[in-house]
Protein backbone atom coordinates (compact mmCIF):
# COMPACT_ATOMS: atom_id res chain seq x y z
CA MET A 1 -13.57 169.36 -168.70
CA GLY A 2 -14.64 172.83 -167.75
CA GLN A 3 -16.17 173.56 -171.17
CA GLY A 4 -17.98 170.23 -171.28
CA LEU A 5 -19.42 170.72 -167.82
CA GLN A 6 -20.50 174.26 -168.56
CA GLN A 7 -22.17 173.11 -171.80
CA ILE A 8 -24.12 170.43 -169.92
CA ILE A 9 -25.28 172.83 -167.23
CA ARG A 10 -26.33 175.46 -169.77
CA GLY A 11 -28.33 172.84 -171.57
CA GLY A 12 -30.32 172.27 -168.40
CA GLU A 13 -30.91 175.86 -167.35
CA LYS A 14 -34.57 175.43 -168.11
CA GLY A 15 -34.74 172.70 -165.52
CA ARG A 16 -33.77 172.67 -161.81
CA ASP A 17 -32.49 169.16 -161.25
CA ASN A 18 -29.13 169.11 -162.99
CA GLU A 19 -26.50 167.28 -160.92
CA ALA A 20 -23.11 165.65 -161.25
CA GLU A 21 -21.22 163.11 -159.20
CA VAL A 22 -18.12 160.96 -159.40
CA THR A 23 -18.98 157.28 -159.26
CA GLY A 24 -16.12 154.82 -159.36
CA GLN A 25 -14.00 155.69 -162.41
CA ALA A 26 -16.54 157.92 -164.21
CA LEU A 27 -18.11 161.35 -163.93
CA HIS A 28 -21.85 160.77 -163.84
CA VAL A 29 -23.98 163.67 -165.04
CA ARG A 30 -27.75 163.75 -164.84
CA VAL A 31 -29.39 166.34 -167.09
CA VAL A 32 -33.06 167.31 -166.79
CA SER A 33 -34.47 169.47 -169.55
CA GLY A 34 -37.70 171.33 -169.80
CA GLY A 35 -39.12 174.24 -167.80
CA GLY A 36 -39.43 173.80 -164.09
CA GLY A 37 -37.46 170.60 -164.12
CA GLY A 38 -40.39 168.62 -165.39
CA GLY A 39 -38.95 167.67 -168.78
CA PRO A 40 -37.30 164.44 -169.76
CA SER A 41 -33.98 163.52 -168.26
CA SER A 42 -30.91 161.75 -169.46
CA ASP A 43 -27.88 160.25 -167.70
CA VAL A 44 -24.38 160.65 -169.11
CA ASN A 45 -21.30 158.78 -167.83
CA ILE A 46 -18.02 160.46 -168.72
CA ALA A 47 -15.09 158.12 -168.23
CA ALA A 48 -12.40 160.52 -169.36
CA VAL A 49 -11.91 164.23 -170.02
CA GLY A 50 -9.27 165.33 -172.57
CA GLY A 51 -7.88 161.82 -172.73
CA VAL A 52 -7.39 161.66 -168.93
CA ALA A 53 -9.28 158.96 -167.11
CA ILE A 54 -11.45 160.18 -164.25
CA GLY A 55 -10.58 158.37 -161.04
CA PRO A 56 -11.44 158.89 -157.36
CA THR A 57 -9.44 162.13 -157.49
CA VAL A 58 -10.61 164.87 -159.84
CA PRO A 59 -7.97 167.60 -160.39
CA VAL A 60 -9.47 171.07 -160.62
CA SER A 61 -7.42 174.10 -161.66
CA GLY A 62 -8.61 177.67 -161.33
CA THR A 63 -11.38 178.86 -159.10
CA VAL A 64 -14.46 176.82 -158.18
CA SER A 65 -17.36 178.98 -156.96
CA VAL A 66 -20.14 177.24 -155.01
CA VAL A 67 -23.35 179.26 -154.97
CA GLU A 68 -25.75 176.58 -153.73
CA PRO A 69 -25.62 174.19 -150.73
CA VAL A 70 -23.12 171.39 -151.30
CA SER A 71 -23.47 167.88 -149.88
CA VAL A 72 -20.32 165.77 -149.88
CA ASP A 73 -20.60 162.03 -149.34
CA ASP A 74 -17.19 160.39 -149.16
CA ASN A 75 -18.83 156.98 -149.41
CA GLY A 76 -16.96 155.62 -146.44
CA GLY A 77 -13.63 157.09 -147.48
CA SER A 78 -12.08 160.40 -146.61
CA LEU A 79 -12.14 163.96 -147.87
CA THR A 80 -8.72 165.62 -148.01
CA VAL A 81 -8.16 169.29 -148.68
CA ASP A 82 -4.55 170.12 -149.40
CA GLY A 83 -4.03 173.84 -149.23
CA THR A 84 -6.21 176.67 -147.99
CA VAL A 85 -10.00 176.61 -147.89
CA ASP A 86 -11.58 180.08 -147.73
CA VAL A 87 -15.04 179.47 -146.29
CA GLY A 88 -16.12 183.12 -146.26
CA THR A 89 -19.18 184.04 -144.25
CA ILE A 90 -20.98 181.28 -142.30
CA THR A 91 -24.54 182.28 -141.45
CA ASN A 92 -25.60 179.00 -139.85
CA PRO A 93 -23.93 177.01 -137.07
CA VAL A 94 -21.20 174.57 -138.05
CA VAL A 95 -21.95 171.27 -136.30
CA VAL A 96 -19.34 168.57 -135.76
CA SER A 97 -21.17 165.49 -134.56
CA SER A 98 -18.18 163.35 -133.67
CA ILE A 99 -14.39 163.50 -133.91
CA THR A 100 -12.78 160.16 -133.16
CA ASN A 101 -9.18 161.26 -133.67
CA PRO A 102 -7.34 164.29 -132.23
CA VAL A 103 -7.49 167.51 -134.21
CA THR A 104 -4.00 168.98 -134.46
CA ILE A 105 -3.63 172.69 -134.98
CA ALA A 106 -0.12 173.34 -136.25
CA GLU A 107 -0.44 177.10 -136.63
CA PRO A 108 -1.76 179.90 -134.38
CA VAL A 109 -5.55 180.12 -134.30
CA SER A 110 -7.24 183.52 -134.19
CA VAL A 111 -10.89 183.64 -133.14
CA ASP A 112 -12.72 186.89 -133.84
CA ASP A 113 -16.26 186.82 -132.47
CA ASN A 114 -17.06 190.13 -134.24
CA GLY A 115 -18.43 191.69 -131.05
CA GLY A 116 -20.39 188.59 -130.08
CA SER A 117 -19.34 185.79 -127.76
CA LEU A 118 -17.53 182.49 -127.96
CA THR A 119 -19.29 179.75 -126.01
CA VAL A 120 -17.68 176.44 -125.07
CA ASP A 121 -20.09 173.81 -123.76
CA GLY A 122 -18.07 171.36 -121.73
CA SER A 123 -14.45 171.58 -120.65
CA VAL A 124 -11.36 172.85 -122.41
CA SER A 125 -7.99 171.34 -121.51
CA ILE A 126 -5.04 173.64 -122.18
CA ILE A 127 -1.53 172.24 -121.88
CA GLY A 128 1.19 174.83 -121.69
CA THR A 129 1.08 178.59 -121.23
CA VAL A 130 -1.64 180.74 -122.79
CA PRO A 131 -0.80 184.48 -122.97
CA ILE A 132 -3.90 186.64 -122.50
CA SER A 133 -4.12 190.34 -123.30
CA GLY A 134 -7.09 192.40 -122.26
CA THR A 135 -9.67 191.56 -119.64
CA VAL A 136 -10.89 188.03 -118.85
CA SER A 137 -14.20 187.80 -116.96
CA VAL A 138 -14.74 184.61 -114.96
CA THR A 139 -18.39 184.06 -114.04
CA GLN A 140 -17.91 180.70 -112.35
CA PRO A 141 -15.91 179.89 -109.19
CA VAL A 142 -12.21 179.27 -109.74
CA SER A 143 -11.49 175.77 -108.50
CA THR A 144 -7.72 175.76 -108.84
CA ILE A 145 -5.38 178.46 -107.53
CA THR A 146 -1.63 178.02 -107.92
CA PRO A 147 -0.05 178.81 -104.52
CA TYR A 148 3.40 180.16 -103.80
CA SER A 149 6.09 177.56 -103.45
CA ARG A 150 7.11 176.90 -99.88
CA GLY A 151 9.87 179.30 -98.85
CA SER A 152 9.32 181.65 -101.80
CA VAL A 153 9.27 185.43 -101.33
CA ALA A 154 5.89 187.11 -101.81
CA ALA A 155 5.90 189.51 -104.76
CA ALA A 156 4.51 193.04 -104.58
CA ASP A 157 0.79 193.40 -105.35
CA HIS A 158 0.28 189.65 -105.42
CA PHE A 159 -3.25 188.23 -105.25
CA VAL A 160 -4.74 187.44 -101.85
CA TRP A 161 -7.94 185.54 -101.13
CA PRO A 162 -10.31 185.86 -98.14
CA SER A 163 -9.89 182.95 -95.73
CA GLY A 164 -13.05 181.05 -94.90
CA VAL A 165 -13.69 179.06 -91.73
CA VAL A 166 -16.39 176.62 -90.64
CA ARG A 167 -18.72 177.80 -87.87
CA THR A 168 -18.54 175.30 -85.03
CA ASP A 169 -20.15 176.61 -81.82
CA THR A 170 -19.05 173.59 -79.80
CA LEU A 171 -15.83 171.82 -80.70
CA ALA A 172 -16.17 168.10 -81.30
CA THR A 173 -14.03 165.34 -82.81
CA ILE A 174 -13.62 165.96 -86.54
CA ALA A 175 -14.08 163.46 -89.37
CA PRO A 176 -10.79 163.96 -91.29
CA ALA A 177 -8.02 161.63 -90.24
CA VAL A 178 -4.58 162.69 -89.07
CA GLY A 179 -2.61 164.13 -91.99
CA GLN A 180 -5.68 165.11 -94.03
CA TYR A 181 -6.72 168.63 -94.92
CA MET A 182 -9.66 170.26 -93.14
CA GLY A 183 -11.15 173.73 -92.63
CA ALA A 184 -10.43 175.95 -89.64
CA ARG A 185 -13.23 176.37 -87.06
CA CYS A 186 -14.81 179.47 -85.47
CA ASN A 187 -17.45 180.04 -82.80
CA SER A 188 -20.83 181.80 -83.19
CA ARG A 189 -19.14 185.23 -83.07
CA GLY A 190 -16.59 184.41 -85.79
CA ALA A 191 -13.60 184.01 -83.43
CA THR A 192 -11.26 181.28 -84.64
CA TRP A 193 -10.76 178.36 -82.28
CA VAL A 194 -7.10 178.00 -81.31
CA LYS A 195 -5.11 175.76 -79.01
CA HIS A 196 -1.74 176.66 -77.56
CA ASP A 197 0.83 174.17 -78.73
CA GLY A 198 4.21 175.19 -77.35
CA LEU A 199 6.20 175.11 -74.15
CA LEU A 200 3.31 176.25 -71.94
CA THR A 201 0.50 173.86 -71.10
CA VAL A 202 -2.16 175.39 -68.82
CA ASP A 203 -4.90 173.60 -66.92
CA THR A 204 -7.42 176.35 -66.25
CA SER A 205 -9.09 174.80 -63.23
CA GLN A 206 -8.46 172.87 -60.04
CA LEU A 207 -11.05 170.44 -58.77
CA GLU A 208 -12.61 171.14 -55.40
CA ASN A 209 -10.92 169.23 -52.55
CA ASP A 210 -7.87 168.53 -54.72
CA ILE A 211 -4.48 168.82 -53.05
CA VAL A 212 -2.59 171.85 -54.35
CA ALA A 213 0.28 170.66 -56.51
CA ALA A 214 3.63 172.38 -56.51
CA ALA A 215 4.18 174.99 -59.29
CA HIS A 216 0.58 174.77 -60.50
CA PRO A 217 -0.72 177.57 -62.77
CA VAL A 218 -2.22 180.71 -61.18
CA PHE A 219 -4.21 183.47 -62.85
CA PRO A 220 -4.78 187.16 -61.99
CA ALA A 221 -8.16 187.60 -60.27
CA GLY A 222 -10.61 190.05 -61.84
CA ALA A 223 -13.26 191.94 -59.89
CA ALA A 224 -16.35 194.05 -60.58
CA ARG A 225 -16.24 197.73 -59.60
CA ASP A 226 -19.01 198.52 -57.12
CA ASP A 227 -18.49 201.92 -55.46
CA ALA A 228 -21.50 201.72 -53.12
CA LEU A 229 -21.50 197.93 -52.57
CA ALA A 230 -25.10 197.52 -53.69
CA THR A 231 -27.25 194.46 -53.05
CA LEU A 232 -26.42 191.59 -55.43
CA GLY A 233 -28.92 190.40 -58.00
CA VAL A 234 -27.85 186.74 -57.83
CA ALA A 235 -29.46 184.34 -55.40
CA ASP A 236 -27.79 182.85 -52.33
CA GLY A 237 -25.51 180.01 -53.41
CA ASP A 238 -25.00 181.27 -57.00
CA TRP A 239 -21.64 182.26 -58.47
CA THR A 240 -20.89 185.99 -58.63
CA ASP A 241 -17.95 188.40 -59.01
CA ILE A 242 -15.86 189.75 -56.18
CA ARG A 243 -16.30 193.52 -55.68
CA VAL A 244 -13.89 196.46 -55.42
CA ASN A 245 -14.44 200.17 -54.79
CA SER A 246 -13.52 203.07 -57.11
CA ARG A 247 -9.86 202.79 -56.09
CA GLY A 248 -9.69 199.02 -56.63
CA ALA A 249 -9.70 198.11 -52.92
CA LEU A 250 -11.42 194.78 -52.26
CA TRP A 251 -14.65 194.92 -50.26
CA THR A 252 -14.49 192.52 -47.29
CA THR A 253 -16.48 191.83 -44.14
CA TYR A 254 -15.58 189.95 -41.00
CA ASP A 255 -17.42 186.87 -39.76
CA GLY A 256 -17.82 186.56 -36.01
CA THR A 257 -16.52 188.68 -33.16
CA GLN A 258 -13.38 190.71 -33.69
CA THR A 259 -11.32 191.82 -30.70
CA VAL A 260 -9.12 194.88 -31.14
CA GLN A 261 -6.54 195.79 -28.52
CA PRO A 262 -4.95 199.14 -29.42
CA LEU A 263 -1.59 200.05 -27.93
CA SER A 264 -2.70 203.67 -27.51
CA VAL A 265 -5.72 205.82 -28.35
CA LEU A 266 -5.05 208.93 -30.40
CA PRO A 267 -7.48 211.28 -32.15
CA VAL A 268 -8.10 210.35 -35.77
CA ARG A 269 -7.83 213.42 -38.03
CA GLN A 270 -8.66 213.70 -41.72
CA THR A 271 -8.73 216.96 -43.71
CA ASN A 272 -10.96 217.41 -46.78
CA GLN A 273 -11.33 220.45 -49.08
CA LEU A 274 -14.95 221.39 -49.73
CA HIS A 275 -14.46 224.69 -51.67
CA ASN A 276 -11.47 225.36 -53.92
CA ALA A 277 -11.03 229.05 -54.84
CA GLN A 278 -14.78 229.47 -55.41
CA VAL A 279 -15.53 232.91 -56.93
CA PHE A 280 -18.78 234.73 -56.10
CA ASN A 281 -19.75 237.41 -58.63
CA ASN A 282 -22.72 238.52 -60.75
CA VAL A 283 -23.20 234.91 -61.97
CA THR A 284 -22.55 232.84 -58.83
CA THR A 285 -23.96 234.06 -55.51
CA THR A 286 -24.49 230.69 -53.76
CA ALA A 287 -22.35 227.51 -53.72
CA ASN A 288 -22.86 224.28 -51.76
CA GLY A 289 -19.40 222.77 -52.13
CA THR A 290 -18.43 219.09 -51.89
CA ALA A 291 -20.34 216.80 -49.51
CA LEU A 292 -18.31 214.94 -46.88
CA SER A 293 -19.17 211.67 -45.13
CA THR A 294 -19.43 212.09 -41.35
CA SER A 295 -18.42 208.47 -40.72
CA GLY A 296 -15.86 208.25 -37.90
CA GLY A 297 -16.12 211.95 -36.95
CA ARG A 298 -17.26 213.31 -33.59
CA TRP A 299 -16.47 216.99 -34.18
CA PHE A 300 -15.22 219.18 -37.02
CA LEU A 301 -12.77 222.04 -37.41
CA VAL A 302 -13.59 224.35 -40.35
CA PHE A 303 -10.76 226.30 -42.03
CA PHE A 304 -11.50 229.05 -44.57
CA ASP A 305 -9.60 231.63 -46.60
CA ILE A 306 -11.61 234.60 -47.99
CA THR A 307 -10.35 237.40 -50.24
CA VAL A 308 -12.28 240.33 -51.75
CA ALA A 309 -12.14 242.53 -54.86
CA ASN A 310 -13.73 246.02 -54.78
CA VAL A 311 -16.65 246.37 -52.35
CA PRO A 312 -19.35 243.65 -52.37
CA THR A 313 -21.75 243.65 -49.38
CA SER A 314 -21.18 240.47 -47.30
CA ILE A 315 -20.61 236.73 -47.33
CA ARG A 316 -22.07 234.03 -45.00
CA LEU A 317 -20.98 230.45 -44.18
CA VAL A 318 -23.81 227.97 -43.37
CA PRO A 319 -22.89 224.40 -42.22
CA GLN A 320 -25.48 221.75 -43.24
CA PHE A 321 -26.11 218.06 -42.38
CA SER A 322 -28.07 215.37 -44.25
CA HIS A 323 -29.54 212.21 -42.71
CA ASP A 324 -30.62 210.51 -45.96
CA GLY A 325 -27.44 210.38 -48.04
CA GLY A 326 -27.73 213.92 -49.43
CA GLY A 327 -31.43 213.91 -50.34
CA ASN A 328 -32.31 216.69 -47.88
CA TRP A 329 -30.04 219.24 -46.16
CA TYR A 330 -30.56 221.05 -42.84
CA ASP A 331 -28.82 224.22 -41.58
CA TYR A 332 -26.74 223.85 -38.39
CA SER A 333 -27.63 226.93 -36.28
CA VAL A 334 -25.74 226.53 -33.03
CA ASP A 335 -23.27 228.91 -31.32
CA GLN A 336 -21.42 231.16 -33.77
CA TRP A 337 -22.88 229.25 -36.71
CA VAL A 338 -26.26 230.92 -36.21
CA ASP A 339 -25.11 233.74 -38.53
CA LEU A 340 -21.40 233.47 -39.41
CA ARG A 341 -21.13 236.49 -41.73
CA TYR A 342 -18.18 238.61 -42.92
CA VAL A 343 -17.85 241.99 -44.69
CA PRO A 344 -15.13 243.42 -46.98
CA GLY A 345 -13.54 245.44 -44.18
CA GLN A 346 -12.48 242.14 -42.53
CA MET A 347 -10.73 240.89 -45.64
CA PRO A 348 -8.44 239.15 -46.37
CA LEU A 349 -9.56 236.57 -43.85
CA HIS A 350 -7.84 233.37 -42.61
CA GLU A 351 -9.76 231.63 -39.79
CA CYS A 352 -10.77 228.27 -38.36
CA VAL A 353 -14.00 227.72 -36.44
CA PRO A 354 -14.96 224.52 -34.51
CA LEU A 355 -18.21 222.67 -35.01
CA ASN A 356 -18.72 220.73 -31.80
CA TYR A 357 -21.48 218.32 -32.77
CA VAL A 358 -21.74 216.01 -35.77
CA GLY A 359 -25.12 214.65 -36.88
CA GLY A 360 -26.47 212.81 -39.91
CA ASP A 361 -24.34 210.92 -42.44
CA PHE A 362 -23.11 213.77 -44.72
CA PHE A 363 -21.85 217.31 -44.12
CA ARG A 364 -21.27 220.39 -46.32
CA VAL A 365 -20.87 224.17 -46.01
CA ARG A 366 -23.15 226.40 -48.08
CA ILE A 367 -21.80 229.89 -48.84
CA ASP A 368 -24.10 232.83 -49.64
CA ALA A 369 -22.75 236.12 -51.08
CA VAL A 370 -24.63 239.47 -51.16
CA GLY A 371 -23.90 242.50 -53.34
CA THR A 372 -21.43 240.84 -55.69
CA THR A 373 -20.99 241.96 -59.31
CA ALA A 374 -18.67 241.16 -62.18
CA ALA A 375 -16.08 243.48 -60.57
CA ALA A 376 -17.01 243.21 -56.87
CA THR A 377 -16.25 239.60 -55.89
CA PHE A 378 -15.42 237.21 -53.04
CA THR A 379 -13.07 234.23 -53.46
CA VAL A 380 -13.33 231.40 -50.90
CA SER A 381 -11.35 228.20 -50.19
CA LEU A 382 -12.60 225.99 -47.33
CA TRP A 383 -11.37 222.80 -45.62
CA VAL A 384 -12.90 220.55 -42.92
CA GLU A 385 -10.86 218.44 -40.51
CA VAL A 386 -12.74 215.42 -39.16
CA CYS A 387 -11.77 214.65 -35.57
CA ASP A 388 -12.61 211.62 -33.46
């Protein structure tokens, strides 16, 4: 059969329309002779080759090389290839228009994209376990994540996923029914809404004019620190915070006339340190000390302790009062306070001197040193006792 076929094809090499097909029980060969395929043609039906009838199946032994495009028409039947088909290089897409029955792959399939890409348009259903080596890039959202089984122990370096919540500034009744899944809720700042669901149930408010029930919830009261008790910014009748001073004591005021009946009247005394080991040298020659409120005081007793190093010139104590909260200070020049000055020959010095009149709302003692250097210094500590 091979020699006959080759002889027929060689006879038509001058033409371009030689073809052969199996029709029914015969091998039909169409031969066109002449240059360019324009010569006369003849049809030959070969019913048998080598005494073997040609049927629907044509046995071929050896190697069949196809060098031109091949069109196979099974004429409504089927095309079966038993064995291995080596396709070689495919330069154009392979299109499968329709597969009505499942395609079963009985052996492992290896896909080598030769540095390109493998594109699947649609969905791929994989049943079983697919081992993957290398890196898999997923460009679309993953819709299914297999969670841990309930009660299972979390493995080291297991995957975690950020938890998303639904922003809901004002909580309202939700659409999902009881027993259905839903997303958690957060407010406008991202804080997750929670509700205590345990042994403690707290009602955070009591209605005005309600009767106080036994064992009702109470809450610690917070207050705003206001050291000077400044004028409030809120209008009369508006809600505001209660106020405390720098030590947390609650500011209060009485309403109406208060009658106080003391059992005995004793002087009220309070001692405050205004200078604490203040050193006067080449850098510091004047120090004002701490200011003291004169509230509740009718006269003062000033205590001071002065030491000296080497031989500075002199040191002077000047009491001062302020009538505008410390904005302006005025020297108190009465009695011995006109010029209360000391020199090194009087040192060390431990004295107390009365101040018989209190004016203004704040008091301090300014100290002026003369002739001090880095080596020639005065050191002063001073206290004031407020007496009523």
